[in-house]
Amino acid sequence: MPTKREPVPANPQPEAASPHAALRAVRRSRRAHTRRTLTVSLGLLAALAAALCCSLAYGDLTLPLSDVLAALAGGGTGGADFIVLELRLPRALTGILVGVAFGLSGAVFQTLLRNPLASPDVIGVSAGASAAAVAAIALFGLGGAAVSASALAGAVLAAALIHLLAWRRGVTGYRLVLVGVGVSAVLMSVVSYAMTLSETVVAEQAKVWLTGSLNGRNWSHAVPLLVALAVLLPLTAAGSRALKVLQLGDDTATGLGARTERARALLLLCAVALVGVATAAAGPVGFVAFVAGPLARGLLRRDDPALVPSALTGALIVLASDFVAQHLLGSQQFPVGVVTSVVGAPYLLWLLARSNRGGRGG
């Protein structure tokens, strides 16, 4: 007696997707991510160029954009050349480079330690630079390049101390943030002590420096910063190749063959040096390193390191904030750090409130 056959489905589904289909999906995702990163970076560059043109054209004497472009091209008049190339361009260029350094440093810290609070503003690296610079100004009467060198040395020493205190067979982001907050409090008490002992005029100078300012910046500030970034940016780019692997955790990164401690040490050293040279050039401009990375990742809509967009975001924040501080807050000019703090402090409070509601420690 013939057996009855089972009905065959009209559209049989494979038990699993083919490897080729999965590979094509991964490639599509990577191409989309690359396009998104390129689009965001180009948009930030365009906004930065517009902010630069405004900074160079607008002031006590407003110049037409054609005169600004002619001066940059080397074909301007004597008066326009002096205003653009000697007075406004060094300040604007210093602001851009300071923003690049702070934005990139903050993105490296936050990504490497997997903690949104792991910014040099919060964990004490900027406080180390501030304490050393204020001590140089208030206690030893130094100025100029000596103050800049003191700020750089203070950032490096503070970072080394924080790393040493946070080390327990490795460094976790949460522990490093807590240790950094404690070290920062101690260093800021050193700042208060130094300013208390100093004379009123010297204390006022130190106070302006502590706020973070681009006032009086010229080529003697811009050129050394440009040289420093020409060395630090390639080093950071070389170390960033291991950054995505380090995001997965030390155990996973080691299993994938990454030399975690060496890669982390290189990236931390680059990030600390970036903070040091930026602080040496313009003072501890508050919250730029803290907000640049999250803003860039928000534009990308991905939880990636976003180093290039973070650097461009930092530059745009500093340059736009300096324009606001100079021209849009009444007749009196303010340090750029006043405006960046007004933007960054509410974000810090919002982040802490959101972390507490979610039951996370940061």
Protein backbone atom coordinates (compact mmCIF):
# COMPACT_ATOMS: atom_id res chain seq x y z
CA MET A 1 0.00 0.00 0.00
CA PRO A 2 1.57 3.32 -1.02
CA THR A 3 2.57 5.67 1.78
CA LYS A 4 1.15 9.16 1.95
CA ARG A 5 3.70 11.89 1.34
CA GLU A 6 3.97 14.89 3.66
CA PRO A 7 3.11 18.20 1.98
CA VAL A 8 6.16 20.26 1.04
CA PRO A 9 6.07 23.93 2.11
CA ALA A 10 5.73 26.33 -0.77
CA ASN A 11 8.63 28.55 0.38
CA PRO A 12 11.10 26.52 2.42
CA GLN A 13 13.26 28.70 4.74
CA PRO A 14 16.91 27.89 5.33
CA GLU A 15 17.78 26.99 8.87
CA ALA A 16 20.44 29.68 9.03
CA ALA A 17 21.57 32.57 6.89
CA SER A 18 24.48 31.83 4.62
CA PRO A 19 27.94 33.09 5.58
CA HIS A 20 28.03 35.16 2.39
CA ALA A 21 24.85 36.98 3.35
CA ALA A 22 26.20 37.71 6.82
CA LEU A 23 29.45 39.00 5.33
CA ARG A 24 27.55 41.27 2.95
CA ALA A 25 25.50 42.62 5.87
CA VAL A 26 28.69 43.42 7.82
CA ARG A 27 30.18 45.17 4.80
CA ARG A 28 27.04 47.24 4.30
CA SER A 29 27.09 48.25 7.96
CA ARG A 30 30.74 49.28 7.74
CA ARG A 31 30.16 51.30 4.59
CA ALA A 32 27.19 53.04 6.17
CA HIS A 33 29.26 53.83 9.26
CA THR A 34 32.10 55.18 7.13
CA ARG A 35 29.71 57.36 5.14
CA ARG A 36 28.12 58.66 8.33
CA THR A 37 31.51 59.46 9.88
CA LEU A 38 32.66 61.23 6.71
CA THR A 39 29.43 63.23 6.46
CA VAL A 40 29.59 64.31 10.11
CA SER A 41 33.28 65.21 9.84
CA LEU A 42 32.72 67.29 6.70
CA GLY A 43 29.78 69.04 8.35
CA LEU A 44 31.88 69.88 11.40
CA LEU A 45 34.69 71.13 9.14
CA ALA A 46 32.25 73.40 7.31
CA ALA A 47 30.90 74.77 10.59
CA LEU A 48 34.46 75.28 11.85
CA ALA A 49 35.40 77.16 8.67
CA ALA A 50 32.35 79.41 9.08
CA ALA A 51 33.24 80.09 12.72
CA LEU A 52 36.83 80.89 11.70
CA CYS A 53 35.67 83.38 9.07
CA CYS A 54 33.44 85.09 11.64
CA SER A 55 36.30 85.27 14.15
CA LEU A 56 38.65 86.81 11.58
CA ALA A 57 36.13 89.26 10.13
CA TYR A 58 34.29 90.55 13.19
CA GLY A 59 35.73 92.79 15.90
CA ASP A 60 36.22 96.44 16.79
CA LEU A 61 36.84 96.91 13.08
CA THR A 62 34.66 94.64 10.96
CA LEU A 63 36.27 93.48 7.71
CA PRO A 64 34.49 92.22 4.59
CA LEU A 65 34.91 88.53 3.97
CA SER A 66 36.71 89.31 0.70
CA ASP A 67 39.40 91.24 2.60
CA VAL A 68 39.79 88.35 5.06
CA LEU A 69 40.21 85.80 2.29
CA ALA A 70 42.63 88.11 0.44
CA ALA A 71 44.73 88.50 3.59
CA LEU A 72 44.83 84.73 4.10
CA ALA A 73 45.86 84.29 0.47
CA GLY A 74 48.66 86.84 0.81
CA GLY A 75 47.09 89.52 -1.36
CA GLY A 76 45.45 91.83 1.15
CA THR A 77 46.12 95.43 2.04
CA GLY A 78 48.58 96.36 4.78
CA GLY A 79 45.94 97.20 7.37
CA ALA A 80 43.82 94.11 6.70
CA ASP A 81 46.90 91.88 6.70
CA PHE A 82 47.96 93.17 10.11
CA ILE A 83 44.51 92.78 11.66
CA VAL A 84 43.89 89.32 10.24
CA LEU A 85 47.35 87.74 10.31
CA GLU A 86 48.85 89.32 13.41
CA LEU A 87 45.91 90.01 15.71
CA ARG A 88 43.04 87.64 14.98
CA LEU A 89 44.44 84.56 13.23
CA PRO A 90 46.89 83.54 16.02
CA ARG A 91 44.09 83.71 18.59
CA ALA A 92 41.66 81.77 16.40
CA LEU A 93 44.26 79.17 15.45
CA THR A 94 45.24 78.71 19.10
CA GLY A 95 41.57 78.20 19.95
CA ILE A 96 41.17 75.60 17.21
CA LEU A 97 44.27 73.67 18.27
CA VAL A 98 43.31 73.83 21.96
CA GLY A 99 39.85 72.49 21.11
CA VAL A 100 41.32 69.68 19.00
CA ALA A 101 43.64 68.66 21.84
CA PHE A 102 40.95 68.76 24.55
CA GLY A 103 38.30 67.07 22.41
CA LEU A 104 40.59 64.26 21.32
CA SER A 105 41.94 63.74 24.84
CA GLY A 106 38.47 63.52 26.34
CA ALA A 107 37.34 61.00 23.73
CA VAL A 108 40.38 58.80 24.41
CA PHE A 109 39.87 58.89 28.19
CA GLN A 110 36.14 58.16 28.01
CA THR A 111 36.50 55.36 25.48
CA LEU A 112 39.53 53.74 27.05
CA LEU A 113 38.08 53.71 30.55
CA ARG A 114 34.50 53.03 29.38
CA ASN A 115 33.13 55.79 31.60
CA PRO A 116 31.48 59.06 30.47
CA LEU A 117 32.90 60.80 33.56
CA ALA A 118 36.48 59.86 32.70
CA SER A 119 37.39 63.30 31.41
CA PRO A 120 40.59 65.18 32.31
CA ASP A 121 38.39 67.89 33.84
CA VAL A 122 36.92 65.40 36.29
CA ILE A 123 39.72 62.95 37.06
CA GLY A 124 42.34 65.53 38.06
CA VAL A 125 44.69 65.83 35.08
CA SER A 126 43.64 69.42 34.39
CA ALA A 127 43.83 70.13 38.12
CA GLY A 128 47.45 68.99 38.12
CA ALA A 129 48.29 71.39 35.31
CA SER A 130 46.43 74.18 37.11
CA ALA A 131 48.18 73.59 40.43
CA ALA A 132 51.64 73.60 38.85
CA ALA A 133 50.95 76.70 36.77
CA VAL A 134 49.43 78.68 39.64
CA ALA A 135 52.33 77.72 41.90
CA ALA A 136 54.73 78.97 39.22
CA ILE A 137 52.83 82.28 38.92
CA ALA A 138 51.93 82.95 42.55
CA LEU A 139 54.82 81.45 44.52
CA PHE A 140 57.79 81.79 42.17
CA GLY A 141 56.83 84.81 40.07
CA LEU A 142 57.31 82.99 36.76
CA GLY A 143 55.59 83.80 33.50
CA GLY A 144 55.41 83.03 29.82
CA ALA A 145 57.05 79.78 28.71
CA ALA A 146 57.93 78.79 32.28
CA VAL A 147 54.24 78.73 33.24
CA SER A 148 53.41 76.65 30.16
CA ALA A 149 56.17 74.17 30.96
CA SER A 150 54.96 73.97 34.56
CA ALA A 151 51.40 73.22 33.40
CA LEU A 152 52.60 70.42 31.13
CA ALA A 153 54.74 68.90 33.88
CA GLY A 154 51.88 69.19 36.38
CA ALA A 155 49.49 67.33 34.08
CA VAL A 156 51.95 64.49 33.57
CA LEU A 157 52.77 64.16 37.28
CA ALA A 158 49.10 64.26 38.30
CA ALA A 159 48.22 61.58 35.76
CA ALA A 160 51.07 59.37 37.00
CA LEU A 161 49.92 59.79 40.61
CA ILE A 162 46.30 58.99 39.76
CA HIS A 163 47.30 55.93 37.76
CA LEU A 164 49.53 54.71 40.59
CA LEU A 165 46.84 55.13 43.24
CA ALA A 166 44.18 53.49 41.07
CA TRP A 167 46.32 50.49 40.11
CA ARG A 168 45.10 47.18 41.55
CA ARG A 169 46.43 44.53 39.16
CA GLY A 170 44.96 46.74 36.46
CA VAL A 171 42.95 49.94 36.24
CA THR A 172 39.16 50.14 36.00
CA GLY A 173 37.40 53.26 34.82
CA TYR A 174 35.19 53.60 37.89
CA ARG A 175 38.09 53.33 40.35
CA LEU A 176 40.24 55.74 38.35
CA VAL A 177 37.44 58.33 38.31
CA LEU A 178 37.00 58.10 42.09
CA VAL A 179 40.73 58.37 42.72
CA GLY A 180 40.97 61.23 40.23
CA VAL A 181 38.19 63.17 41.94
CA GLY A 182 40.02 62.85 45.26
CA VAL A 183 43.38 63.89 43.80
CA SER A 184 41.69 66.80 42.02
CA ALA A 185 40.26 68.05 45.32
CA VAL A 186 43.71 67.96 46.91
CA LEU A 187 45.32 69.78 43.98
CA MET A 188 42.67 72.49 43.94
CA SER A 189 43.35 73.07 47.63
CA VAL A 190 46.98 73.65 46.64
CA VAL A 191 45.73 76.23 44.12
CA SER A 192 43.71 78.00 46.82
CA TYR A 193 46.69 77.98 49.20
CA ALA A 194 49.03 79.46 46.57
CA MET A 195 46.57 82.20 45.64
CA THR A 196 46.00 83.07 49.31
CA LEU A 197 49.71 83.61 49.85
CA SER A 198 50.19 85.73 46.72
CA GLU A 199 49.64 89.44 46.25
CA THR A 200 46.35 90.72 44.86
CA VAL A 201 47.65 91.53 41.38
CA VAL A 202 49.36 88.15 41.04
CA ALA A 203 46.28 86.34 42.34
CA GLU A 204 44.15 88.10 39.72
CA GLN A 205 46.53 86.96 36.98
CA ALA A 206 46.37 83.40 38.25
CA LYS A 207 42.58 83.57 38.46
CA VAL A 208 42.29 84.64 34.82
CA TRP A 209 44.62 81.83 33.80
CA LEU A 210 42.59 79.31 35.79
CA THR A 211 39.41 80.28 33.95
CA GLY A 212 40.93 79.44 30.57
CA SER A 213 41.42 82.32 28.19
CA LEU A 214 42.57 83.11 24.64
CA ASN A 215 43.11 86.81 25.35
CA GLY A 216 46.50 88.02 24.15
CA ARG A 217 47.32 84.81 22.33
CA ASN A 218 49.80 85.29 19.48
CA TRP A 219 52.08 83.24 17.28
CA SER A 220 54.36 82.44 20.24
CA HIS A 221 51.46 80.40 21.67
CA ALA A 222 50.11 78.97 18.41
CA VAL A 223 53.36 77.71 16.86
CA PRO A 224 54.59 75.55 19.81
CA LEU A 225 51.09 74.09 20.15
CA LEU A 226 51.02 73.30 16.43
CA VAL A 227 54.41 71.56 16.67
CA ALA A 228 53.28 69.54 19.70
CA LEU A 229 50.10 68.39 17.95
CA ALA A 230 52.09 67.46 14.85
CA VAL A 231 53.82 64.88 17.05
CA LEU A 232 50.93 63.82 19.30
CA LEU A 233 48.19 63.39 16.69
CA PRO A 234 50.02 60.67 14.69
CA LEU A 235 50.95 58.88 17.92
CA THR A 236 47.33 58.94 19.07
CA ALA A 237 46.18 57.70 15.67
CA ALA A 238 48.65 54.82 15.86
CA GLY A 239 47.47 53.85 19.34
CA SER A 240 43.80 54.17 18.42
CA ARG A 241 43.97 51.00 16.34
CA ALA A 242 43.68 49.00 19.56
CA LEU A 243 40.98 51.23 21.03
CA LYS A 244 37.97 49.27 19.77
CA VAL A 245 39.46 46.02 21.04
CA LEU A 246 40.19 47.56 24.45
CA GLN A 247 36.55 48.63 24.68
CA LEU A 248 35.62 44.95 24.94
CA GLY A 249 37.49 44.56 28.23
CA ASP A 250 40.97 43.37 29.15
CA ASP A 251 40.16 39.65 29.12
CA THR A 252 38.55 39.74 25.68
CA ALA A 253 41.24 42.03 24.29
CA THR A 254 43.99 39.74 25.57
CA GLY A 255 42.21 36.74 24.08
CA LEU A 256 42.18 38.53 20.72
CA GLY A 257 45.93 39.03 20.92
CA ALA A 258 46.04 42.70 21.95
CA ARG A 259 48.81 43.87 24.26
CA THR A 260 46.43 45.66 26.57
CA GLU A 261 48.81 47.32 29.01
CA ARG A 262 51.15 48.62 26.32
CA ALA A 263 48.29 49.96 24.19
CA ARG A 264 46.57 51.54 27.19
CA ALA A 265 49.81 53.14 28.39
CA LEU A 266 50.46 54.68 24.96
CA LEU A 267 46.94 56.06 24.66
CA LEU A 268 46.89 57.43 28.20
CA LEU A 269 50.28 59.06 27.71
CA CYS A 270 49.09 60.71 24.47
CA ALA A 271 45.85 61.88 26.10
CA VAL A 272 47.69 63.35 29.09
CA ALA A 273 50.19 65.10 26.81
CA LEU A 274 47.33 66.57 24.77
CA VAL A 275 45.75 67.96 27.94
CA GLY A 276 49.10 69.32 29.08
CA VAL A 277 49.97 71.20 25.89
CA ALA A 278 46.43 72.58 25.51
CA THR A 279 46.36 73.77 29.13
CA ALA A 280 49.82 75.27 28.73
CA ALA A 281 48.59 77.30 25.74
CA ALA A 282 45.24 78.58 27.02
CA GLY A 283 44.71 77.43 30.59
CA PRO A 284 42.25 74.76 31.72
CA VAL A 285 39.34 75.60 29.41
CA GLY A 286 36.60 73.82 31.29
CA PHE A 287 34.35 71.01 30.05
CA VAL A 288 35.53 70.96 26.42
CA ALA A 289 37.10 67.53 26.85
CA PHE A 290 34.04 66.42 28.80
CA VAL A 291 31.33 67.25 26.25
CA ALA A 292 33.10 66.97 22.87
CA GLY A 293 33.13 63.17 22.77
CA PRO A 294 29.47 62.63 23.72
CA LEU A 295 28.34 65.29 21.25
CA ALA A 296 30.35 63.68 18.45
CA ARG A 297 29.03 60.21 19.26
CA GLY A 298 25.50 61.62 19.31
CA LEU A 299 26.00 62.98 15.80
CA LEU A 300 27.31 59.59 14.66
CA ARG A 301 24.47 57.75 16.42
CA ARG A 302 26.94 55.05 17.42
CA ASP A 303 28.90 54.28 20.57
CA ASP A 304 32.27 54.53 18.82
CA PRO A 305 35.54 56.21 19.84
CA ALA A 306 34.78 58.94 17.23
CA LEU A 307 38.22 60.48 17.61
CA VAL A 308 38.20 62.70 14.52
CA PRO A 309 34.64 64.02 15.06
CA SER A 310 35.46 64.58 18.76
CA ALA A 311 38.54 66.63 17.88
CA LEU A 312 36.56 68.73 15.38
CA THR A 313 33.72 69.17 17.88
CA GLY A 314 36.18 70.36 20.51
CA ALA A 315 37.67 72.89 18.08
CA LEU A 316 34.22 74.18 17.14
CA ILE A 317 33.17 74.50 20.81
CA VAL A 318 36.26 76.54 21.74
CA LEU A 319 36.16 78.82 18.68
CA ALA A 320 32.41 79.47 18.91
CA SER A 321 32.60 80.00 22.68
CA ASP A 322 35.44 82.48 22.26
CA PHE A 323 33.39 84.43 19.69
CA VAL A 324 30.46 84.53 22.12
CA ALA A 325 32.73 85.59 25.00
CA GLN A 326 34.23 88.41 22.93
CA HIS A 327 31.23 89.88 21.14
CA LEU A 328 27.85 88.62 22.38
CA LEU A 329 27.90 89.19 26.14
CA GLY A 330 27.78 92.96 26.28
CA SER A 331 30.58 95.48 26.17
CA GLN A 332 32.90 93.48 28.44
CA GLN A 333 34.94 90.58 27.06
CA PHE A 334 35.01 87.34 29.06
CA PRO A 335 37.48 84.45 29.07
CA VAL A 336 36.44 81.58 26.84
CA GLY A 337 36.32 79.24 29.85
CA VAL A 338 33.33 81.13 31.24
CA VAL A 339 31.20 80.22 28.23
CA THR A 340 32.36 76.60 28.00
CA SER A 341 31.63 76.12 31.71
CA VAL A 342 28.12 77.50 31.26
CA VAL A 343 27.56 74.86 28.59
CA GLY A 344 29.39 71.97 30.27
CA ALA A 345 28.32 72.23 33.91
CA PRO A 346 24.60 71.57 33.24
CA TYR A 347 25.56 68.57 31.10
CA LEU A 348 27.60 67.15 33.99
CA LEU A 349 24.66 67.56 36.38
CA TRP A 350 22.30 65.94 33.86
CA LEU A 351 24.68 63.01 33.39
CA LEU A 352 25.00 62.46 37.14
CA ALA A 353 21.22 62.64 37.59
CA ARG A 354 20.63 60.18 34.77
CA SER A 355 23.23 57.78 36.21
CA ASN A 356 21.59 57.88 39.64
CA ARG A 357 18.13 57.22 38.21
CA GLY A 358 19.48 54.26 36.31
CA GLY A 359 21.23 52.85 39.36
CA ARG A 360 24.66 53.23 37.80
CA GLY A 361 27.72 54.67 39.33
CA GLY A 362 28.85 56.49 36.25
